[in-house]
Amino acid sequence: MIFDRKVNFVGSRALIYSIRFVTLAIQYPQTMSSMTGYIDNLLYETVVPIITVTPFENQLIDNDSIEFIRRLESVRACENDFSVRYHMLDLVQTLCSYQYNK
């Protein structure tokens, strides 16, 4: 479902539940080992487009930087189920904290 977002509409709630599932699943070594082939696609095709700065945010940075920072902090501090960006950042943090066995 996460990969369908690239070509089809996926509702925010469905996307959030998919992200949460993947975030929880990759915390287990067996699941992470089976997901390694999909991590690049997940990051570059799904995560990066969602967490990048939009043209509106870029304009907001130029015109009202305080409001931009306020909105950015509200996304980081937001712990509700409606922030796709918050859950994407949580997924990235989980991926970055994963310890590969060498």
N, C-alpha and C. Protein backbone atom coordinates (compact mmCIF):
# COMPACT_ATOMS: atom_id res chain seq x y z
N MET A 1 0.82 -1.18 0.00
CA MET A 1 0.00 0.00 0.00
C MET A 1 0.87 1.26 0.00
N ILE A 2 1.97 1.21 0.71
CA ILE A 2 2.86 2.38 0.74
C ILE A 2 3.41 2.66 -0.66
N PHE A 3 3.76 1.60 -1.40
CA PHE A 3 4.32 1.80 -2.73
C PHE A 3 3.26 2.22 -3.74
N ASP A 4 1.98 1.93 -3.48
CA ASP A 4 0.91 2.35 -4.38
C ASP A 4 0.72 3.85 -4.40
N ARG A 5 1.19 4.53 -3.38
CA ARG A 5 1.03 5.97 -3.27
C ARG A 5 1.64 6.71 -4.46
N LYS A 6 2.65 6.11 -5.06
CA LYS A 6 3.35 6.77 -6.17
C LYS A 6 2.44 6.96 -7.38
N VAL A 7 1.54 6.02 -7.65
CA VAL A 7 0.70 6.10 -8.84
C VAL A 7 -0.79 6.18 -8.53
N ASN A 8 -1.20 5.85 -7.32
CA ASN A 8 -2.61 5.87 -6.94
C ASN A 8 -2.81 6.71 -5.69
N PHE A 9 -4.06 7.11 -5.50
CA PHE A 9 -4.38 7.83 -4.27
C PHE A 9 -4.46 6.83 -3.12
N VAL A 10 -3.78 7.16 -2.04
CA VAL A 10 -3.88 6.39 -0.81
C VAL A 10 -4.25 7.38 0.28
N GLY A 11 -5.35 7.10 0.98
CA GLY A 11 -5.81 8.01 2.01
C GLY A 11 -4.80 8.15 3.14
N SER A 12 -4.87 9.27 3.84
CA SER A 12 -3.90 9.55 4.90
C SER A 12 -3.92 8.50 6.00
N ARG A 13 -5.09 8.11 6.42
CA ARG A 13 -5.17 7.11 7.49
C ARG A 13 -4.60 5.77 7.06
N ALA A 14 -4.92 5.33 5.85
CA ALA A 14 -4.38 4.07 5.36
C ALA A 14 -2.86 4.15 5.25
N LEU A 15 -2.36 5.27 4.78
CA LEU A 15 -0.92 5.47 4.67
C LEU A 15 -0.27 5.47 6.04
N ILE A 16 -0.88 6.14 7.01
CA ILE A 16 -0.33 6.18 8.37
C ILE A 16 -0.29 4.79 8.98
N TYR A 17 -1.36 4.02 8.84
CA TYR A 17 -1.35 2.66 9.40
C TYR A 17 -0.31 1.78 8.72
N SER A 18 -0.13 1.96 7.42
CA SER A 18 0.91 1.20 6.72
C SER A 18 2.30 1.58 7.21
N ILE A 19 2.53 2.86 7.39
CA ILE A 19 3.82 3.34 7.88
C ILE A 19 4.08 2.82 9.29
N ARG A 20 3.07 2.90 10.15
CA ARG A 20 3.23 2.40 11.51
C ARG A 20 3.53 0.91 11.53
N PHE A 21 2.85 0.16 10.65
CA PHE A 21 3.09 -1.28 10.57
C PHE A 21 4.53 -1.57 10.16
N VAL A 22 4.99 -0.88 9.12
CA VAL A 22 6.37 -1.08 8.66
C VAL A 22 7.35 -0.66 9.75
N THR A 23 7.09 0.45 10.42
CA THR A 23 7.98 0.92 11.48
C THR A 23 8.09 -0.10 12.60
N LEU A 24 6.98 -0.69 12.99
CA LEU A 24 7.01 -1.71 14.04
C LEU A 24 7.64 -3.01 13.54
N ALA A 25 7.37 -3.36 12.29
CA ALA A 25 7.86 -4.62 11.76
C ALA A 25 9.38 -4.64 11.58
N ILE A 26 9.95 -3.50 11.18
CA ILE A 26 11.39 -3.50 10.92
C ILE A 26 12.22 -3.48 12.19
N GLN A 27 11.58 -3.42 13.33
CA GLN A 27 12.32 -3.49 14.59
C GLN A 27 12.75 -4.92 14.91
N TYR A 28 12.21 -5.88 14.18
CA TYR A 28 12.58 -7.28 14.36
C TYR A 28 13.58 -7.68 13.28
N PRO A 29 14.68 -8.30 13.67
CA PRO A 29 15.75 -8.62 12.71
C PRO A 29 15.29 -9.47 11.53
N GLN A 30 14.41 -10.43 11.76
CA GLN A 30 13.96 -11.28 10.65
C GLN A 30 13.18 -10.48 9.62
N THR A 31 12.33 -9.59 10.08
CA THR A 31 11.56 -8.76 9.16
C THR A 31 12.46 -7.77 8.45
N MET A 32 13.39 -7.20 9.17
CA MET A 32 14.31 -6.23 8.55
C MET A 32 15.15 -6.89 7.48
N SER A 33 15.58 -8.11 7.73
CA SER A 33 16.39 -8.80 6.71
C SER A 33 15.59 -9.08 5.45
N SER A 34 14.30 -9.33 5.59
CA SER A 34 13.49 -9.55 4.39
C SER A 34 13.09 -8.25 3.71
N MET A 35 13.22 -7.13 4.41
CA MET A 35 12.86 -5.82 3.85
C MET A 35 14.03 -5.09 3.21
N THR A 36 15.25 -5.57 3.38
CA THR A 36 16.42 -4.81 2.91
C THR A 36 16.36 -4.50 1.42
N GLY A 37 15.77 -5.34 0.62
CA GLY A 37 15.66 -5.07 -0.81
C GLY A 37 14.70 -3.95 -1.15
N TYR A 38 13.83 -3.62 -0.22
CA TYR A 38 12.81 -2.60 -0.46
C TYR A 38 13.10 -1.26 0.22
N ILE A 39 14.13 -1.21 1.02
CA ILE A 39 14.42 0.01 1.79
C ILE A 39 14.70 1.20 0.89
N ASP A 40 15.52 1.02 -0.16
CA ASP A 40 15.81 2.13 -1.06
C ASP A 40 14.55 2.67 -1.71
N ASN A 41 13.71 1.76 -2.19
CA ASN A 41 12.45 2.17 -2.81
C ASN A 41 11.56 2.88 -1.80
N LEU A 42 11.49 2.35 -0.60
CA LEU A 42 10.68 2.97 0.44
C LEU A 42 11.15 4.38 0.75
N LEU A 43 12.44 4.54 0.89
CA LEU A 43 12.99 5.86 1.23
C LEU A 43 12.84 6.86 0.09
N TYR A 44 13.30 6.48 -1.11
CA TYR A 44 13.37 7.45 -2.20
C TYR A 44 12.05 7.69 -2.91
N GLU A 45 11.17 6.70 -2.92
CA GLU A 45 9.90 6.86 -3.63
C GLU A 45 8.75 7.30 -2.73
N THR A 46 8.87 7.06 -1.44
CA THR A 46 7.75 7.35 -0.55
C THR A 46 8.11 8.36 0.53
N VAL A 47 9.16 8.10 1.28
CA VAL A 47 9.49 8.93 2.43
C VAL A 47 9.98 10.32 2.00
N VAL A 48 10.94 10.37 1.12
CA VAL A 48 11.54 11.65 0.73
C VAL A 48 10.51 12.62 0.15
N PRO A 49 9.62 12.18 -0.76
CA PRO A 49 8.63 13.14 -1.27
C PRO A 49 7.69 13.70 -0.19
N ILE A 50 7.44 12.92 0.85
CA ILE A 50 6.54 13.39 1.90
C ILE A 50 7.23 14.34 2.86
N ILE A 51 8.48 14.09 3.18
CA ILE A 51 9.13 14.92 4.20
C ILE A 51 9.92 16.09 3.63
N THR A 52 10.00 16.20 2.30
CA THR A 52 10.72 17.34 1.73
C THR A 52 9.91 18.62 1.88
N VAL A 53 10.59 19.71 1.79
CA VAL A 53 9.96 21.03 1.91
C VAL A 53 9.18 21.31 0.63
N THR A 54 7.93 21.67 0.78
CA THR A 54 7.07 21.97 -0.36
C THR A 54 7.31 23.41 -0.82
N PRO A 55 6.86 23.76 -2.05
CA PRO A 55 7.01 25.15 -2.49
C PRO A 55 6.30 26.14 -1.56
N PHE A 56 5.16 25.75 -1.00
CA PHE A 56 4.47 26.62 -0.05
C PHE A 56 5.33 26.84 1.19
N GLU A 57 5.94 25.78 1.69
CA GLU A 57 6.80 25.92 2.86
C GLU A 57 8.04 26.74 2.54
N ASN A 58 8.55 26.58 1.34
CA ASN A 58 9.70 27.37 0.92
C ASN A 58 9.36 28.86 0.89
N GLN A 59 8.17 29.18 0.39
CA GLN A 59 7.71 30.56 0.38
C GLN A 59 7.49 31.06 1.81
N LEU A 60 6.99 30.17 2.66
CA LEU A 60 6.76 30.54 4.06
C LEU A 60 8.09 30.82 4.77
N ILE A 61 9.13 30.09 4.42
CA ILE A 61 10.46 30.34 4.99
C ILE A 61 10.91 31.75 4.64
N ASP A 62 10.70 32.12 3.38
CA ASP A 62 11.14 33.45 2.94
C ASP A 62 10.31 34.57 3.55
N ASN A 63 9.00 34.37 3.64
CA ASN A 63 8.11 35.45 4.08
C ASN A 63 7.91 35.51 5.59
N ASP A 64 7.75 34.37 6.21
CA ASP A 64 7.45 34.34 7.64
C ASP A 64 8.15 33.14 8.28
N SER A 65 9.43 33.29 8.53
CA SER A 65 10.22 32.17 9.03
C SER A 65 9.77 31.70 10.41
N ILE A 66 9.25 32.60 11.21
CA ILE A 66 8.78 32.21 12.55
C ILE A 66 7.58 31.26 12.43
N GLU A 67 6.67 31.55 11.51
CA GLU A 67 5.51 30.68 11.30
C GLU A 67 5.96 29.31 10.77
N PHE A 68 6.96 29.30 9.88
CA PHE A 68 7.48 28.03 9.37
C PHE A 68 8.04 27.19 10.50
N ILE A 69 8.83 27.78 11.36
CA ILE A 69 9.42 27.06 12.50
C ILE A 69 8.33 26.56 13.44
N ARG A 70 7.32 27.37 13.65
CA ARG A 70 6.19 26.97 14.49
C ARG A 70 5.49 25.74 13.92
N ARG A 71 5.26 25.74 12.61
CA ARG A 71 4.61 24.59 11.96
C ARG A 71 5.51 23.36 11.99
N LEU A 72 6.80 23.55 11.77
CA LEU A 72 7.73 22.44 11.80
C LEU A 72 7.79 21.80 13.18
N GLU A 73 7.81 22.62 14.21
CA GLU A 73 7.83 22.10 15.57
C GLU A 73 6.51 21.43 15.93
N SER A 74 5.42 21.91 15.39
CA SER A 74 4.14 21.26 15.68
C SER A 74 4.08 19.87 15.05
N VAL A 75 4.74 19.69 13.89
CA VAL A 75 4.81 18.36 13.28
C VAL A 75 5.67 17.45 14.13
N ARG A 76 6.79 17.95 14.62
CA ARG A 76 7.68 17.13 15.44
C ARG A 76 7.06 16.79 16.78
N ALA A 77 6.33 17.73 17.35
CA ALA A 77 5.73 17.51 18.66
C ALA A 77 4.40 16.79 18.57
N CYS A 78 3.87 16.68 17.38
CA CYS A 78 2.55 16.08 17.19
C CYS A 78 2.63 14.57 17.40
N GLU A 79 1.78 14.08 18.27
CA GLU A 79 1.74 12.64 18.51
C GLU A 79 0.36 12.09 18.21
N ASN A 80 -0.36 12.75 17.32
CA ASN A 80 -1.67 12.23 16.98
C ASN A 80 -1.57 11.32 15.76
N ASP A 81 -2.68 10.71 15.41
CA ASP A 81 -2.68 9.76 14.31
C ASP A 81 -2.90 10.39 12.95
N PHE A 82 -2.91 11.72 12.86
CA PHE A 82 -3.25 12.36 11.60
C PHE A 82 -2.07 13.00 10.89
N SER A 83 -0.88 12.90 11.42
CA SER A 83 0.28 13.54 10.81
C SER A 83 1.13 12.50 10.07
N VAL A 84 1.00 12.47 8.75
CA VAL A 84 1.77 11.53 7.93
C VAL A 84 3.26 11.83 8.07
N ARG A 85 3.59 13.10 8.08
CA ARG A 85 4.99 13.50 8.17
C ARG A 85 5.62 13.04 9.48
N TYR A 86 4.89 13.14 10.58
CA TYR A 86 5.39 12.68 11.88
C TYR A 86 5.73 11.18 11.81
N HIS A 87 4.84 10.39 11.24
CA HIS A 87 5.06 8.95 11.17
C HIS A 87 6.19 8.60 10.21
N MET A 88 6.34 9.39 9.15
CA MET A 88 7.47 9.17 8.24
C MET A 88 8.79 9.46 8.95
N LEU A 89 8.84 10.51 9.74
CA LEU A 89 10.06 10.82 10.49
C LEU A 89 10.36 9.72 11.51
N ASP A 90 9.31 9.16 12.11
CA ASP A 90 9.48 8.05 13.03
C ASP A 90 10.06 6.83 12.31
N LEU A 91 9.58 6.57 11.09
CA LEU A 91 10.11 5.47 10.29
C LEU A 91 11.58 5.67 9.97
N VAL A 92 11.94 6.88 9.59
CA VAL A 92 13.35 7.19 9.28
C VAL A 92 14.22 7.01 10.52
N GLN A 93 13.74 7.47 11.67
CA GLN A 93 14.51 7.29 12.91
C GLN A 93 14.68 5.81 13.24
N THR A 94 13.65 5.02 13.02
CA THR A 94 13.75 3.58 13.27
C THR A 94 14.75 2.94 12.33
N LEU A 95 14.72 3.33 11.07
CA LEU A 95 15.68 2.79 10.11
C LEU A 95 17.10 3.19 10.47
N CYS A 96 17.30 4.42 10.91
CA CYS A 96 18.63 4.89 11.26
C CYS A 96 19.15 4.23 12.53
N SER A 97 18.27 3.84 13.42
CA SER A 97 18.71 3.24 14.67
C SER A 97 18.90 1.73 14.56
N TYR A 98 18.56 1.15 13.42
CA TYR A 98 18.70 -0.30 13.25
C TYR A 98 20.18 -0.67 13.22
N GLN A 99 20.55 -1.67 13.96
CA GLN A 99 21.95 -2.14 14.03
C GLN A 99 22.10 -3.39 13.16
N TYR A 100 22.86 -3.26 12.09
CA TYR A 100 23.14 -4.40 11.23
C TYR A 100 24.19 -5.28 11.87
N ASN A 101 23.96 -6.59 11.82
CA ASN A 101 24.95 -7.53 12.35
C ASN A 101 26.03 -7.74 11.28
N LYS A 102 27.25 -7.56 11.71
CA LYS A 102 28.38 -7.69 10.75
C LYS A 102 29.08 -9.01 10.96
